[in-house]
PDB file of N, CA and C in Angstrom:
ATOM      1  N   UNK A   1       0.831  -1.198   0.011  1.00  0.00           N
ATOM      2  CA  UNK A   1       0.003   0.008  -0.008  1.00  0.00           C
ATOM      3  C   UNK A   1       0.879   1.257  -0.004  1.00  0.00           C
ATOM      4  N   UNK A   2       0.548   2.189  -0.869  1.00  0.00           N
ATOM      5  CA  UNK A   2       1.334   3.426  -0.945  1.00  0.00           C
ATOM      6  C   UNK A   2       0.785   4.426   0.066  1.00  0.00           C
ATOM      7  N   UNK A   3       1.715   5.151   0.709  1.00  0.00           N
ATOM      8  CA  UNK A   3       1.322   6.169   1.650  1.00  0.00           C
ATOM      9  C   UNK A   3       1.935   7.503   1.281  1.00  0.00           C
ATOM     10  N   UNK A   4       1.299   8.583   1.716  1.00  0.00           N
ATOM     11  CA  UNK A   4       1.762   9.919   1.417  1.00  0.00           C
ATOM     12  C   UNK A   4       2.805  10.293   2.444  1.00  0.00           C
ATOM     13  N   UNK A   5       3.970  10.812   1.964  1.00  0.00           N
ATOM     14  CA  UNK A   5       5.018  11.265   2.840  1.00  0.00           C
ATOM     15  C   UNK A   5       5.372  12.698   2.516  1.00  0.00           C
ATOM     16  N   UNK A   6       5.974  13.427   3.495  1.00  0.00           N
ATOM     17  CA  UNK A   6       6.379  14.806   3.332  1.00  0.00           C
ATOM     18  C   UNK A   6       7.902  14.849   3.436  1.00  0.00           C
ATOM     19  N   UNK A   7       8.506  15.642   2.546  1.00  0.00           N
ATOM     20  CA  UNK A   7       9.964  15.778   2.546  1.00  0.00           C
ATOM     21  C   UNK A   7      10.335  17.144   3.123  1.00  0.00           C
ATOM     22  N   UNK A   8      11.277  17.190   4.055  1.00  0.00           N
ATOM     23  CA  UNK A   8      11.707  18.436   4.698  1.00  0.00           C
ATOM     24  C   UNK A   8      13.185  18.689   4.426  1.00  0.00           C
ATOM     25  N   UNK A   9      13.531  19.942   4.255  1.00  0.00           N
ATOM     26  CA  UNK A   9      14.926  20.342   3.990  1.00  0.00           C
ATOM     27  C   UNK A   9      15.766  20.049   5.249  1.00  0.00           C
ATOM     28  N   UNK A  10      16.944  19.499   5.025  1.00  0.00           N
ATOM     29  CA  UNK A  10      17.826  19.167   6.155  1.00  0.00           C
ATOM     30  C   UNK A  10      18.454  20.406   6.778  1.00  0.00           C
ATOM     31  N   UNK A  11      18.679  21.476   5.990  1.00  0.00           N
ATOM     32  CA  UNK A  11      19.290  22.709   6.480  1.00  0.00           C
ATOM     33  C   UNK A  11      18.327  23.572   7.270  1.00  0.00           C
ATOM     34  N   UNK A  12      17.214  23.985   6.638  1.00  0.00           N
ATOM     35  CA  UNK A  12      16.298  24.942   7.276  1.00  0.00           C
ATOM     36  C   UNK A  12      15.053  24.284   7.879  1.00  0.00           C
ATOM     37  N   UNK A  13      14.787  23.039   7.544  1.00  0.00           N
ATOM     38  CA  UNK A  13      13.617  22.347   8.112  1.00  0.00           C
ATOM     39  C   UNK A  13      12.307  22.624   7.397  1.00  0.00           C
ATOM     40  N   UNK A  14      12.347  23.373   6.330  1.00  0.00           N
ATOM     41  CA  UNK A  14      11.174  23.705   5.569  1.00  0.00           C
ATOM     42  C   UNK A  14      10.572  22.471   4.877  1.00  0.00           C
ATOM     43  N   UNK A  15       9.280  22.300   5.005  1.00  0.00           N
ATOM     44  CA  UNK A  15       8.617  21.137   4.368  1.00  0.00           C
ATOM     45  C   UNK A  15       8.112  21.555   3.009  1.00  0.00           C
ATOM     46  N   UNK A  16       8.925  21.249   1.966  1.00  0.00           N
ATOM     47  CA  UNK A  16       8.688  21.745   0.629  1.00  0.00           C
ATOM     48  C   UNK A  16       7.930  20.802  -0.281  1.00  0.00           C
ATOM     49  N   UNK A  17       8.148  19.482  -0.122  1.00  0.00           N
ATOM     50  CA  UNK A  17       7.631  18.514  -1.088  1.00  0.00           C
ATOM     51  C   UNK A  17       6.815  17.429  -0.429  1.00  0.00           C
ATOM     52  N   UNK A  18       5.885  16.876  -1.143  1.00  0.00           N
ATOM     53  CA  UNK A  18       5.144  15.715  -0.714  1.00  0.00           C
ATOM     54  C   UNK A  18       5.129  14.709  -1.874  1.00  0.00           C
ATOM     55  N   UNK A  19       5.151  13.425  -1.544  1.00  0.00           N
ATOM     56  CA  UNK A  19       5.192  12.391  -2.570  1.00  0.00           C
ATOM     57  C   UNK A  19       4.564  11.112  -1.999  1.00  0.00           C
ATOM     58  N   UNK A  20       4.439  10.121  -2.830  1.00  0.00           N
ATOM     59  CA  UNK A  20       3.872   8.833  -2.429  1.00  0.00           C
ATOM     60  C   UNK A  20       5.017   7.838  -2.336  1.00  0.00           C
ATOM     61  N   UNK A  21       4.936   6.941  -1.344  1.00  0.00           N
ATOM     62  CA  UNK A  21       5.979   5.903  -1.139  1.00  0.00           C
ATOM     63  C   UNK A  21       5.354   4.611  -0.753  1.00  0.00           C
ATOM     64  N   UNK A  22       5.917   3.522  -1.237  1.00  0.00           N
ATOM     65  CA  UNK A  22       5.447   2.203  -0.829  1.00  0.00           C
ATOM     66  C   UNK A  22       6.502   1.458  -0.066  1.00  0.00           C
ATOM     67  N   UNK A  23       7.608   2.144   0.312  1.00  0.00           N
ATOM     68  CA  UNK A  23       8.693   1.573   1.091  1.00  0.00           C
ATOM     69  C   UNK A  23       8.541   2.017   2.539  1.00  0.00           C
ATOM     70  N   UNK A  24       8.208   1.104   3.441  1.00  0.00           N
ATOM     71  CA  UNK A  24       8.015   1.461   4.819  1.00  0.00           C
ATOM     72  C   UNK A  24       9.217   1.162   5.712  1.00  0.00           C
ATOM     73  N   UNK A  25      10.224   0.504   5.174  1.00  0.00           N
ATOM     74  CA  UNK A  25      11.350   0.062   5.997  1.00  0.00           C
ATOM     75  C   UNK A  25      12.338   1.224   6.292  1.00  0.00           C
ATOM     76  N   UNK A  26      12.763   1.975   5.295  1.00  0.00           N
ATOM     77  CA  UNK A  26      13.733   3.033   5.506  1.00  0.00           C
ATOM     78  C   UNK A  26      13.184   4.360   5.052  1.00  0.00           C
ATOM     79  N   UNK A  27      13.753   5.443   5.605  1.00  0.00           N
ATOM     80  CA  UNK A  27      13.301   6.778   5.247  1.00  0.00           C
ATOM     81  C   UNK A  27      13.897   7.253   3.953  1.00  0.00           C
ATOM     82  N   UNK A  28      13.095   7.929   3.174  1.00  0.00           N
ATOM     83  CA  UNK A  28      13.501   8.426   1.858  1.00  0.00           C
ATOM     84  C   UNK A  28      14.404   9.628   2.048  1.00  0.00           C
ATOM     85  N   UNK A  29      15.446   9.757   1.236  1.00  0.00           N
ATOM     86  CA  UNK A  29      16.388  10.839   1.278  1.00  0.00           C
ATOM     87  C   UNK A  29      16.721  11.217  -0.139  1.00  0.00           C
ATOM     88  N   UNK A  30      16.348  12.462  -0.555  1.00  0.00           N
ATOM     89  CA  UNK A  30      16.477  12.934  -1.940  1.00  0.00           C
ATOM     90  C   UNK A  30      17.082  14.301  -1.951  1.00  0.00           C
ATOM     91  N   UNK A  31      17.892  14.610  -2.984  1.00  0.00           N
ATOM     92  CA  UNK A  31      18.453  15.926  -3.143  1.00  0.00           C
ATOM     93  C   UNK A  31      17.515  16.728  -4.022  1.00  0.00           C
ATOM     94  N   UNK A  32      16.943  17.818  -3.461  1.00  0.00           N
ATOM     95  CA  UNK A  32      15.950  18.641  -4.145  1.00  0.00           C
ATOM     96  C   UNK A  32      16.308  20.101  -3.937  1.00  0.00           C
ATOM     97  N   UNK A  33      15.611  20.978  -4.721  1.00  0.00           N
ATOM     98  CA  UNK A  33      15.809  22.420  -4.610  1.00  0.00           C
ATOM     99  C   UNK A  33      14.958  22.969  -3.488  1.00  0.00           C
ATOM    100  N   UNK A  34      15.551  23.741  -2.592  1.00  0.00           N
ATOM    101  CA  UNK A  34      14.838  24.392  -1.500  1.00  0.00           C
ATOM    102  C   UNK A  34      14.710  25.858  -1.850  1.00  0.00           C
ATOM    103  N   UNK A  35      13.454  26.373  -1.824  1.00  0.00           N
ATOM    104  CA  UNK A  35      13.210  27.760  -2.205  1.00  0.00           C
ATOM    105  C   UNK A  35      13.693  28.723  -1.105  1.00  0.00           C
ATOM    106  N   UNK A  36      13.653  28.308   0.170  1.00  0.00           N
ATOM    107  CA  UNK A  36      14.094  29.171   1.244  1.00  0.00           C
ATOM    108  C   UNK A  36      15.591  29.287   1.270  1.00  0.00           C
ATOM    109  N   UNK A  37      16.311  28.165   1.073  1.00  0.00           N
ATOM    110  CA  UNK A  37      17.774  28.168   1.055  1.00  0.00           C
ATOM    111  C   UNK A  37      18.336  28.643  -0.289  1.00  0.00           C
ATOM    112  N   UNK A  38      17.521  28.578  -1.327  1.00  0.00           N
ATOM    113  CA  UNK A  38      17.891  28.900  -2.701  1.00  0.00           C
ATOM    114  C   UNK A  38      19.062  28.093  -3.173  1.00  0.00           C
ATOM    115  N   UNK A  39      19.010  26.783  -2.863  1.00  0.00           N
ATOM    116  CA  UNK A  39      20.069  25.860  -3.238  1.00  0.00           C
ATOM    117  C   UNK A  39      19.538  24.440  -3.247  1.00  0.00           C
ATOM    118  N   UNK A  40      20.275  23.528  -3.881  1.00  0.00           N
ATOM    119  CA  UNK A  40      19.925  22.114  -3.861  1.00  0.00           C
ATOM    120  C   UNK A  40      20.457  21.500  -2.559  1.00  0.00           C
ATOM    121  N   UNK A  41      19.541  20.980  -1.741  1.00  0.00           N
ATOM    122  CA  UNK A  41      19.910  20.377  -0.443  1.00  0.00           C
ATOM    123  C   UNK A  41      19.286  19.028  -0.335  1.00  0.00           C
ATOM    124  N   UNK A  42      19.713  18.254   0.676  1.00  0.00           N
ATOM    125  CA  UNK A  42      19.130  16.975   0.974  1.00  0.00           C
ATOM    126  C   UNK A  42      17.801  17.163   1.678  1.00  0.00           C
ATOM    127  N   UNK A  43      16.767  16.497   1.213  1.00  0.00           N
ATOM    128  CA  UNK A  43      15.473  16.490   1.832  1.00  0.00           C
ATOM    129  C   UNK A  43      15.187  15.085   2.356  1.00  0.00           C
ATOM    130  N   UNK A  44      14.734  15.026   3.645  1.00  0.00           N
ATOM    131  CA  UNK A  44      14.460  13.737   4.266  1.00  0.00           C
ATOM    132  C   UNK A  44      12.993  13.605   4.562  1.00  0.00           C
ATOM    133  N   UNK A  45      12.531  12.371   4.611  1.00  0.00           N
ATOM    134  CA  UNK A  45      11.162  12.066   4.954  1.00  0.00           C
ATOM    135  C   UNK A  45      10.862  12.396   6.404  1.00  0.00           C
ATOM    136  N   UNK A  46       9.718  13.035   6.646  1.00  0.00           N
ATOM    137  CA  UNK A  46       9.307  13.371   8.020  1.00  0.00           C
ATOM    138  C   UNK A  46       8.129  12.545   8.382  1.00  0.00           C
ATOM    139  N   UNK A  47       7.739  12.589   9.619  1.00  0.00           N
ATOM    140  CA  UNK A  47       6.588  11.819  10.109  1.00  0.00           C
ATOM    141  C   UNK A  47       5.290  12.528   9.811  1.00  0.00           C
TER     142      UNK A  47
END
């Protein structure tokens, strides 16, 4: 079953992106553009 997850910037903590995931074992970690930092940073899955 796919669930909705939210991605937050590792630097500023801003929750910029949401996506669907079917992997429940490990947390998703993706490099994305943060509008607040104005740079590409690592975004991690939040609860």
